[in-house]
C-alpha cells in the first residue's frame, strides 16, 4: 500500500508496528495528494478531517477510520482505528506556537495568554468545530513543554521500533 501526503514518520511507524505495510510518498501539500487519491494514483491518505471533509461530503473520497481516541463529531458513524480492528492505534494532530530559545519568560507567558484567549473564543471554537476539529485544552508553557517531551519520546521510541530513521 502506498501512503500519500506528508504523513508523519510517527503515523507511518505506528502503521508498521501493527503489521500494516505502507510506503510514505512525500507530497508538497495536501491538495495534490487529495487529487491523487481521487484519481487512484495513491491508495490511501492520512490527513485531517477539515482537509478531506468537503471531498467526503461530495462522495469523492471514502473515509476508512478516524485516528483519534474517540469518534469525530462531524462523521459520527466513522469508527476509530482501534474500533476498526487495530487496538491501541491513536494518532492525533495538533498545531503549536513556538518562540526562540531564550525568549524572556514574561513574553512567553503573554504570548501564551493571548493564544489561549484567541483559541477559547466562541468564534474560534465555532469555526474549528464546523470543520470537525477540536480546540485542545489550554496548557501553561510548562505543561506544554512536558507534553511535548513526552510525545517526542513516544514518537522516537515508535519510529525506532519500526526501523524508521528520523530526518
N, C-alpha and C. Protein backbone atom coordinates (compact mmCIF):
# COMPACT_ATOMS: atom_id res chain seq x y z
N UNK A 1 0.85 -1.17 0.00
CA UNK A 1 0.00 0.00 0.00
C UNK A 1 0.89 1.23 0.00
N UNK A 2 0.56 2.21 -0.80
CA UNK A 2 1.29 3.47 -0.83
C UNK A 2 0.52 4.50 -0.03
N UNK A 3 1.19 5.16 0.87
CA UNK A 3 0.57 6.16 1.73
C UNK A 3 0.95 7.53 1.23
N UNK A 4 -0.04 8.36 0.90
CA UNK A 4 0.23 9.66 0.33
C UNK A 4 0.25 10.79 1.34
N UNK A 5 0.71 11.92 0.89
CA UNK A 5 0.85 13.17 1.62
C UNK A 5 2.03 13.11 2.56
N UNK A 6 2.22 14.17 3.30
CA UNK A 6 3.36 14.25 4.20
C UNK A 6 2.96 13.69 5.55
N UNK A 7 2.50 12.47 5.56
CA UNK A 7 2.11 11.84 6.82
C UNK A 7 3.33 11.78 7.72
N UNK A 8 3.12 11.95 9.00
CA UNK A 8 4.25 12.00 9.91
C UNK A 8 4.95 10.65 9.97
N UNK A 9 6.25 10.71 10.25
CA UNK A 9 7.00 9.48 10.45
C UNK A 9 6.38 8.67 11.58
N UNK A 10 5.80 9.36 12.57
CA UNK A 10 5.16 8.66 13.68
C UNK A 10 3.96 7.87 13.20
N UNK A 11 3.15 8.44 12.31
CA UNK A 11 1.99 7.71 11.79
C UNK A 11 2.41 6.50 11.00
N UNK A 12 3.42 6.65 10.16
CA UNK A 12 3.94 5.53 9.39
C UNK A 12 4.51 4.46 10.33
N UNK A 13 5.22 4.90 11.34
CA UNK A 13 5.79 3.95 12.29
C UNK A 13 4.70 3.18 13.01
N UNK A 14 3.65 3.87 13.40
CA UNK A 14 2.56 3.19 14.10
C UNK A 14 1.87 2.18 13.19
N UNK A 15 1.76 2.50 11.92
CA UNK A 15 1.20 1.52 10.98
C UNK A 15 2.11 0.30 10.89
N UNK A 16 3.41 0.54 10.74
CA UNK A 16 4.35 -0.57 10.60
C UNK A 16 4.42 -1.45 11.84
N UNK A 17 4.34 -0.86 13.02
CA UNK A 17 4.41 -1.67 14.23
C UNK A 17 3.16 -2.51 14.41
N UNK A 18 2.15 -2.26 13.61
CA UNK A 18 0.93 -3.07 13.66
C UNK A 18 0.76 -3.90 12.39
N UNK A 19 1.89 -4.18 11.75
CA UNK A 19 1.95 -5.07 10.58
C UNK A 19 1.15 -4.56 9.39
N UNK A 20 1.05 -3.25 9.23
CA UNK A 20 0.43 -2.68 8.05
C UNK A 20 1.56 -2.19 7.15
N UNK A 21 1.67 -2.78 5.97
CA UNK A 21 2.74 -2.39 5.05
C UNK A 21 2.33 -1.10 4.35
N UNK A 22 3.09 -0.04 4.56
CA UNK A 22 2.78 1.25 3.94
C UNK A 22 4.08 1.92 3.52
N UNK A 23 4.05 2.54 2.38
CA UNK A 23 5.18 3.30 1.86
C UNK A 23 4.82 4.78 1.92
N UNK A 24 5.65 5.57 2.55
CA UNK A 24 5.41 7.01 2.65
C UNK A 24 5.80 7.66 1.33
N UNK A 25 4.85 8.32 0.70
CA UNK A 25 5.09 9.05 -0.55
C UNK A 25 5.04 10.54 -0.21
N UNK A 26 6.18 11.23 -0.20
CA UNK A 26 6.18 12.65 0.17
C UNK A 26 5.45 13.51 -0.87
N UNK A 27 4.67 14.45 -0.39
CA UNK A 27 3.96 15.41 -1.24
C UNK A 27 4.29 16.81 -0.76
N UNK A 28 4.18 17.78 -1.66
CA UNK A 28 4.43 19.17 -1.29
C UNK A 28 3.21 19.82 -0.64
N UNK A 29 2.14 19.11 -0.54
CA UNK A 29 0.94 19.65 0.09
C UNK A 29 -0.23 18.71 -0.05
N UNK A 30 -1.24 18.95 0.77
CA UNK A 30 -2.40 18.08 0.79
C UNK A 30 -3.25 18.11 -0.46
N UNK A 31 -3.31 19.24 -1.15
CA UNK A 31 -4.18 19.36 -2.33
C UNK A 31 -3.81 18.36 -3.41
N UNK A 32 -2.53 18.24 -3.71
CA UNK A 32 -2.08 17.30 -4.75
C UNK A 32 -2.32 15.87 -4.30
N UNK A 33 -2.07 15.59 -3.03
CA UNK A 33 -2.29 14.23 -2.52
C UNK A 33 -3.76 13.85 -2.60
N UNK A 34 -4.64 14.78 -2.27
CA UNK A 34 -6.08 14.52 -2.37
C UNK A 34 -6.47 14.21 -3.81
N UNK A 35 -5.96 14.99 -4.74
CA UNK A 35 -6.24 14.71 -6.16
C UNK A 35 -5.74 13.33 -6.56
N UNK A 36 -4.56 12.94 -6.06
CA UNK A 36 -4.02 11.62 -6.40
C UNK A 36 -4.82 10.48 -5.77
N UNK A 37 -5.40 10.70 -4.61
CA UNK A 37 -6.29 9.68 -4.03
C UNK A 37 -7.54 9.56 -4.90
N UNK A 38 -8.13 10.70 -5.26
CA UNK A 38 -9.36 10.68 -6.06
C UNK A 38 -9.13 10.06 -7.43
N UNK A 39 -7.92 10.20 -7.98
CA UNK A 39 -7.64 9.64 -9.31
C UNK A 39 -7.10 8.23 -9.25
N UNK A 40 -6.83 7.72 -8.05
CA UNK A 40 -6.32 6.36 -7.92
C UNK A 40 -4.81 6.24 -8.02
N UNK A 41 -4.09 7.36 -8.05
CA UNK A 41 -2.63 7.31 -8.12
C UNK A 41 -2.01 6.78 -6.83
N UNK A 42 -2.63 7.08 -5.70
CA UNK A 42 -2.20 6.51 -4.42
C UNK A 42 -3.42 5.87 -3.78
N UNK A 43 -3.17 4.91 -2.91
CA UNK A 43 -4.25 4.12 -2.33
C UNK A 43 -4.90 4.75 -1.11
N UNK A 44 -4.13 5.53 -0.37
CA UNK A 44 -4.61 5.98 0.93
C UNK A 44 -3.96 7.30 1.29
N UNK A 45 -4.65 8.07 2.09
CA UNK A 45 -4.15 9.36 2.55
C UNK A 45 -4.44 9.48 4.03
N UNK A 46 -3.44 9.84 4.81
CA UNK A 46 -3.65 10.10 6.23
C UNK A 46 -3.55 11.60 6.42
N UNK A 47 -4.68 12.23 6.73
CA UNK A 47 -4.71 13.69 6.87
C UNK A 47 -5.79 14.08 7.86
N UNK A 48 -6.08 15.35 7.96
CA UNK A 48 -7.05 15.83 8.93
C UNK A 48 -8.47 15.85 8.35
N UNK A 49 -9.45 15.77 9.22
CA UNK A 49 -10.85 15.81 8.80
C UNK A 49 -11.17 17.11 8.06
N UNK A 50 -10.73 18.28 8.55
CA UNK A 50 -11.05 19.50 7.80
C UNK A 50 -10.49 19.50 6.38
N UNK A 51 -9.37 18.82 6.16
CA UNK A 51 -8.76 18.78 4.84
C UNK A 51 -9.59 17.98 3.84
N UNK A 52 -10.12 16.84 4.26
CA UNK A 52 -10.85 15.97 3.33
C UNK A 52 -12.37 16.05 3.45
N UNK A 53 -12.87 16.69 4.50
CA UNK A 53 -14.31 16.74 4.73
C UNK A 53 -15.14 17.12 3.52
N UNK A 54 -14.80 18.21 2.81
CA UNK A 54 -15.59 18.59 1.64
C UNK A 54 -15.60 17.51 0.55
N UNK A 55 -14.49 16.81 0.38
CA UNK A 55 -14.41 15.77 -0.65
C UNK A 55 -15.19 14.52 -0.23
N UNK A 56 -15.24 14.27 1.07
CA UNK A 56 -16.05 13.15 1.58
C UNK A 56 -17.52 13.46 1.35
N UNK A 57 -17.94 14.67 1.70
CA UNK A 57 -19.34 15.07 1.51
C UNK A 57 -19.75 15.04 0.04
N UNK A 58 -18.80 15.31 -0.85
CA UNK A 58 -19.08 15.29 -2.30
C UNK A 58 -19.02 13.87 -2.87
N UNK A 59 -18.68 12.88 -2.03
CA UNK A 59 -18.63 11.50 -2.49
C UNK A 59 -17.38 11.15 -3.29
N UNK A 60 -16.34 11.96 -3.20
CA UNK A 60 -15.12 11.73 -3.97
C UNK A 60 -14.05 10.97 -3.20
N UNK A 61 -14.17 10.96 -1.89
CA UNK A 61 -13.23 10.23 -1.03
C UNK A 61 -14.04 9.48 0.01
N UNK A 62 -13.63 8.26 0.31
CA UNK A 62 -14.29 7.47 1.34
C UNK A 62 -13.40 7.40 2.57
N UNK A 63 -13.97 7.68 3.71
CA UNK A 63 -13.22 7.58 4.96
C UNK A 63 -13.17 6.12 5.40
N UNK A 64 -12.03 5.72 5.95
CA UNK A 64 -11.86 4.35 6.43
C UNK A 64 -11.99 4.31 7.95
N UNK A 65 -11.24 5.15 8.64
CA UNK A 65 -11.27 5.17 10.10
C UNK A 65 -10.67 6.49 10.58
N UNK A 66 -11.03 6.85 11.79
CA UNK A 66 -10.55 8.08 12.42
C UNK A 66 -9.43 7.70 13.38
N UNK A 67 -8.31 8.43 13.35
CA UNK A 67 -7.15 8.05 14.16
C UNK A 67 -7.20 8.57 15.59
N UNK A 68 -8.20 9.35 15.94
CA UNK A 68 -8.29 9.90 17.28
C UNK A 68 -8.77 8.88 18.31
N UNK A 69 -8.77 9.27 19.58
CA UNK A 69 -9.17 8.35 20.65
C UNK A 69 -10.67 8.11 20.73
N UNK A 70 -11.46 8.99 20.13
CA UNK A 70 -12.91 8.82 20.11
C UNK A 70 -13.42 9.25 18.74
N UNK A 71 -14.65 8.87 18.42
CA UNK A 71 -15.22 9.20 17.12
C UNK A 71 -15.32 10.71 16.91
N UNK A 72 -15.26 11.10 15.65
CA UNK A 72 -15.33 12.51 15.28
C UNK A 72 -16.77 12.98 15.24
N UNK A 73 -17.02 14.19 15.73
CA UNK A 73 -18.39 14.73 15.76
C UNK A 73 -18.99 14.92 14.38
N UNK A 74 -18.18 15.30 13.40
CA UNK A 74 -18.70 15.57 12.05
C UNK A 74 -19.06 14.28 11.32
N UNK A 75 -18.31 13.21 11.58
CA UNK A 75 -18.57 11.91 10.96
C UNK A 75 -18.74 10.86 12.06
N UNK A 76 -19.84 10.93 12.82
CA UNK A 76 -20.01 10.06 13.99
C UNK A 76 -20.13 8.57 13.67
N UNK A 77 -20.48 8.22 12.44
CA UNK A 77 -20.58 6.81 12.08
C UNK A 77 -19.23 6.20 11.71
N UNK A 78 -18.20 7.02 11.58
CA UNK A 78 -16.87 6.56 11.23
C UNK A 78 -16.19 5.97 12.47
N UNK A 79 -15.78 4.69 12.42
CA UNK A 79 -15.13 4.10 13.59
C UNK A 79 -13.73 4.66 13.78
N UNK A 80 -13.23 4.54 14.99
CA UNK A 80 -11.82 4.87 15.22
C UNK A 80 -11.00 3.70 14.68
N UNK A 81 -9.71 3.91 14.51
CA UNK A 81 -8.84 2.83 14.04
C UNK A 81 -8.88 1.68 15.05
N UNK A 82 -8.90 2.00 16.34
CA UNK A 82 -8.99 0.95 17.36
C UNK A 82 -10.27 0.14 17.21
N UNK A 83 -11.40 0.82 16.99
CA UNK A 83 -12.67 0.12 16.80
C UNK A 83 -12.68 -0.70 15.52
N UNK A 84 -11.92 -0.26 14.52
CA UNK A 84 -11.89 -0.95 13.23
C UNK A 84 -10.98 -2.17 13.23
N UNK A 85 -10.32 -2.44 14.35
CA UNK A 85 -9.54 -3.67 14.43
C UNK A 85 -8.06 -3.53 14.70
N UNK A 86 -7.60 -2.31 14.96
CA UNK A 86 -6.19 -2.12 15.30
C UNK A 86 -6.15 -1.50 16.70
N UNK A 87 -6.30 -2.34 17.74
CA UNK A 87 -6.37 -1.83 19.11
C UNK A 87 -5.14 -1.01 19.48
N UNK A 88 -5.39 0.08 20.18
CA UNK A 88 -4.30 0.91 20.67
C UNK A 88 -3.74 1.90 19.67
N UNK A 89 -4.22 1.87 18.42
CA UNK A 89 -3.71 2.82 17.43
C UNK A 89 -4.38 4.16 17.67
N UNK A 90 -3.57 5.17 17.89
CA UNK A 90 -4.10 6.51 18.07
C UNK A 90 -3.06 7.50 17.56
N UNK A 91 -3.50 8.42 16.76
CA UNK A 91 -2.62 9.46 16.24
C UNK A 91 -3.44 10.73 16.10
N UNK A 92 -3.08 11.73 16.88
CA UNK A 92 -3.79 13.00 16.80
C UNK A 92 -2.86 14.07 16.24
N UNK A 93 -3.45 15.10 15.75
CA UNK A 93 -2.72 16.19 15.12
C UNK A 93 -2.94 17.45 15.94
N UNK A 94 -1.89 18.21 16.14
CA UNK A 94 -2.07 19.47 16.84
C UNK A 94 -1.14 20.52 16.24
N UNK A 95 -1.53 21.74 16.43
CA UNK A 95 -0.72 22.87 15.98
C UNK A 95 -0.27 23.62 17.22
N UNK A 96 0.97 24.02 17.24
CA UNK A 96 1.54 24.68 18.40
C UNK A 96 2.30 25.92 17.97
N UNK A 97 2.49 26.82 18.89
CA UNK A 97 3.26 28.03 18.65
C UNK A 97 4.59 27.91 19.39
N UNK A 98 5.66 28.32 18.73
CA UNK A 98 7.00 28.23 19.31
C UNK A 98 7.69 29.58 19.20
N UNK A 99 8.60 29.84 20.13
CA UNK A 99 9.42 31.05 20.10
C UNK A 99 10.88 30.62 20.25
N UNK A 100 11.81 31.49 19.89
CA UNK A 100 13.23 31.14 20.02
C UNK A 100 13.61 30.85 21.47
N UNK A 101 14.54 29.92 21.66
CA UNK A 101 15.07 29.65 22.99
C UNK A 101 15.64 30.96 23.53
N UNK A 102 15.48 31.18 24.80
CA UNK A 102 15.99 32.41 25.39
C UNK A 102 14.99 33.55 25.41
N UNK A 103 13.80 33.33 24.85
CA UNK A 103 12.77 34.37 24.92
C UNK A 103 12.42 34.59 26.39
N UNK A 104 12.38 35.83 26.85
CA UNK A 104 12.09 36.08 28.27
C UNK A 104 10.77 35.44 28.70
N UNK A 105 10.75 34.82 29.90
CA UNK A 105 9.54 34.16 30.40
C UNK A 105 8.30 35.05 30.40
N UNK A 106 8.46 36.34 30.69
CA UNK A 106 7.30 37.24 30.70
C UNK A 106 6.67 37.34 29.32
N UNK A 107 7.48 37.35 28.28
CA UNK A 107 6.96 37.40 26.91
C UNK A 107 6.29 36.08 26.56
N UNK A 108 6.89 34.96 26.96
CA UNK A 108 6.29 33.64 26.71
C UNK A 108 4.92 33.57 27.37
N UNK A 109 4.82 34.02 28.62
CA UNK A 109 3.53 33.99 29.32
C UNK A 109 2.49 34.88 28.62
N UNK A 110 2.92 36.05 28.17
CA UNK A 110 2.00 36.97 27.49
C UNK A 110 1.50 36.37 26.17
N UNK A 111 2.40 35.77 25.40
CA UNK A 111 2.00 35.12 24.14
C UNK A 111 1.10 33.92 24.41
N UNK A 112 1.40 33.16 25.46
CA UNK A 112 0.59 32.00 25.83
C UNK A 112 -0.83 32.45 26.17
N UNK A 113 -0.95 33.51 26.97
CA UNK A 113 -2.28 34.00 27.35
C UNK A 113 -3.06 34.50 26.13
N UNK A 114 -2.40 35.23 25.25
CA UNK A 114 -3.07 35.74 24.05
C UNK A 114 -3.53 34.59 23.15
N UNK A 115 -2.70 33.56 23.03
CA UNK A 115 -3.06 32.40 22.22
C UNK A 115 -4.25 31.67 22.82
N UNK A 116 -4.21 31.44 24.12
CA UNK A 116 -5.32 30.76 24.80
C UNK A 116 -6.60 31.57 24.66
N UNK A 117 -6.51 32.88 24.90
CA UNK A 117 -7.70 33.73 24.77
C UNK A 117 -8.30 33.64 23.36
N UNK A 118 -7.45 33.67 22.35
CA UNK A 118 -7.94 33.57 20.97
C UNK A 118 -8.54 32.22 20.66
N UNK A 119 -7.89 31.16 21.11
CA UNK A 119 -8.39 29.80 20.81
C UNK A 119 -9.66 29.47 21.58
N UNK A 120 -9.83 30.05 22.76
CA UNK A 120 -11.01 29.75 23.57
C UNK A 120 -12.21 30.64 23.22
N UNK A 121 -12.02 31.59 22.32
CA UNK A 121 -13.13 32.49 21.97
C UNK A 121 -14.25 31.70 21.28
N UNK A 122 -15.50 32.10 21.50
CA UNK A 122 -16.62 31.40 20.87
C UNK A 122 -16.51 31.35 19.34
N UNK A 123 -16.06 32.44 18.73
CA UNK A 123 -15.94 32.46 17.27
C UNK A 123 -14.93 31.42 16.78
N UNK A 124 -13.77 31.35 17.44
CA UNK A 124 -12.75 30.37 17.04
C UNK A 124 -13.26 28.96 17.24
N UNK A 125 -13.86 28.69 18.39
CA UNK A 125 -14.39 27.34 18.67
C UNK A 125 -15.42 26.93 17.62
N UNK A 126 -16.27 27.87 17.22
CA UNK A 126 -17.30 27.58 16.22
C UNK A 126 -16.67 27.22 14.87
N UNK A 127 -15.68 27.98 14.45
CA UNK A 127 -15.01 27.73 13.17
C UNK A 127 -14.30 26.37 13.20
N UNK A 128 -13.57 26.10 14.27
CA UNK A 128 -12.83 24.84 14.37
C UNK A 128 -13.80 23.65 14.41
N UNK A 129 -14.87 23.76 15.18
CA UNK A 129 -15.85 22.67 15.29
C UNK A 129 -16.57 22.40 13.98
N UNK A 130 -16.85 23.45 13.21
CA UNK A 130 -17.57 23.28 11.94
C UNK A 130 -16.80 22.40 10.97
N UNK A 131 -15.48 22.42 11.06
CA UNK A 131 -14.65 21.59 10.18
C UNK A 131 -14.29 20.25 10.79
N UNK A 132 -14.83 19.93 11.96
CA UNK A 132 -14.54 18.64 12.58
C UNK A 132 -13.36 18.65 13.52
N UNK A 133 -12.81 19.81 13.77
CA UNK A 133 -11.67 19.90 14.68
C UNK A 133 -12.12 20.15 16.11
N UNK A 134 -11.16 20.11 17.00
CA UNK A 134 -11.42 20.40 18.41
C UNK A 134 -10.34 21.33 18.92
N UNK A 135 -10.72 22.29 19.73
CA UNK A 135 -9.74 23.15 20.38
C UNK A 135 -9.18 22.38 21.57
N UNK A 136 -7.88 22.22 21.59
CA UNK A 136 -7.23 21.47 22.66
C UNK A 136 -7.35 22.22 23.99
N UNK A 137 -7.26 21.49 25.08
CA UNK A 137 -7.29 22.16 26.39
C UNK A 137 -6.13 23.15 26.51
N UNK A 138 -6.37 24.24 27.21
CA UNK A 138 -5.33 25.26 27.41
C UNK A 138 -4.24 24.71 28.33
N UNK A 139 -2.99 24.94 27.94
CA UNK A 139 -1.85 24.50 28.74
C UNK A 139 -0.95 25.69 29.06
N UNK A 140 -0.34 25.65 30.23
CA UNK A 140 0.68 26.64 30.54
C UNK A 140 1.93 26.28 29.74
N UNK A 141 2.88 27.21 29.60
CA UNK A 141 4.11 26.85 28.90
C UNK A 141 4.80 25.62 29.50
N UNK A 142 4.81 25.50 30.82
CA UNK A 142 5.45 24.34 31.46
C UNK A 142 4.70 23.05 31.14
N UNK A 143 3.36 23.10 31.17
CA UNK A 143 2.57 21.91 30.84
C UNK A 143 2.78 21.50 29.38
N UNK A 144 2.82 22.50 28.49
CA UNK A 144 3.05 22.20 27.09
C UNK A 144 4.43 21.58 26.89
N UNK A 145 5.44 22.13 27.53
CA UNK A 145 6.81 21.60 27.40
C UNK A 145 6.86 20.14 27.86
N UNK A 146 6.21 19.84 28.98
CA UNK A 146 6.19 18.46 29.48
C UNK A 146 5.48 17.54 28.49
N UNK A 147 4.36 17.98 27.94
CA UNK A 147 3.64 17.16 26.96
C UNK A 147 4.46 16.97 25.70
N UNK A 148 5.11 18.02 25.23
CA UNK A 148 5.95 17.93 24.04
C UNK A 148 7.06 16.90 24.25
N UNK A 149 7.74 16.94 25.38
CA UNK A 149 8.83 15.99 25.65
C UNK A 149 8.30 14.56 25.72
N UNK A 150 7.15 14.37 26.34
CA UNK A 150 6.54 13.03 26.45
C UNK A 150 6.15 12.52 25.07
N UNK A 151 5.49 13.36 24.26
CA UNK A 151 5.09 12.96 22.91
C UNK A 151 6.31 12.66 22.04
N UNK A 152 7.33 13.49 22.15
CA UNK A 152 8.53 13.29 21.34
C UNK A 152 9.21 11.97 21.70
N UNK A 153 9.28 11.67 22.99
CA UNK A 153 9.89 10.40 23.42
C UNK A 153 9.09 9.22 22.87
N UNK A 154 7.76 9.33 22.86
CA UNK A 154 6.93 8.25 22.32
C UNK A 154 7.16 8.08 20.82
N UNK A 155 7.22 9.18 20.09
CA UNK A 155 7.46 9.12 18.65
C UNK A 155 8.84 8.52 18.37
N UNK A 156 9.82 8.96 19.14
CA UNK A 156 11.18 8.45 18.96
C UNK A 156 11.23 6.93 19.18
N UNK A 157 10.55 6.45 20.22
CA UNK A 157 10.52 5.02 20.50
C UNK A 157 9.78 4.25 19.41
N UNK A 158 8.63 4.76 19.00
CA UNK A 158 7.83 4.08 17.97
C UNK A 158 8.58 3.99 16.66
N UNK A 159 9.23 5.07 16.26
CA UNK A 159 9.97 5.05 14.99
C UNK A 159 11.17 4.12 15.08
N UNK A 160 11.82 4.06 16.24
CA UNK A 160 12.95 3.14 16.41
C UNK A 160 12.48 1.69 16.29
N UNK A 161 11.38 1.36 16.96
CA UNK A 161 10.83 0.00 16.90
C UNK A 161 10.45 -0.37 15.47
N UNK A 162 9.93 0.61 14.72
CA UNK A 162 9.50 0.35 13.34
C UNK A 162 10.66 0.39 12.35
N UNK A 163 11.85 0.76 12.81
CA UNK A 163 13.00 0.81 11.92
C UNK A 163 13.03 2.01 11.00
N UNK A 164 12.43 3.11 11.43
CA UNK A 164 12.40 4.33 10.62
C UNK A 164 13.39 5.32 11.20
N UNK A 165 14.23 5.89 10.34
CA UNK A 165 15.18 6.90 10.79
C UNK A 165 14.56 8.28 10.64
N UNK A 166 14.55 9.04 11.73
CA UNK A 166 14.04 10.41 11.66
C UNK A 166 15.04 11.29 10.94
N UNK A 167 14.52 12.21 10.14
CA UNK A 167 15.41 13.12 9.40
C UNK A 167 15.83 14.27 10.26
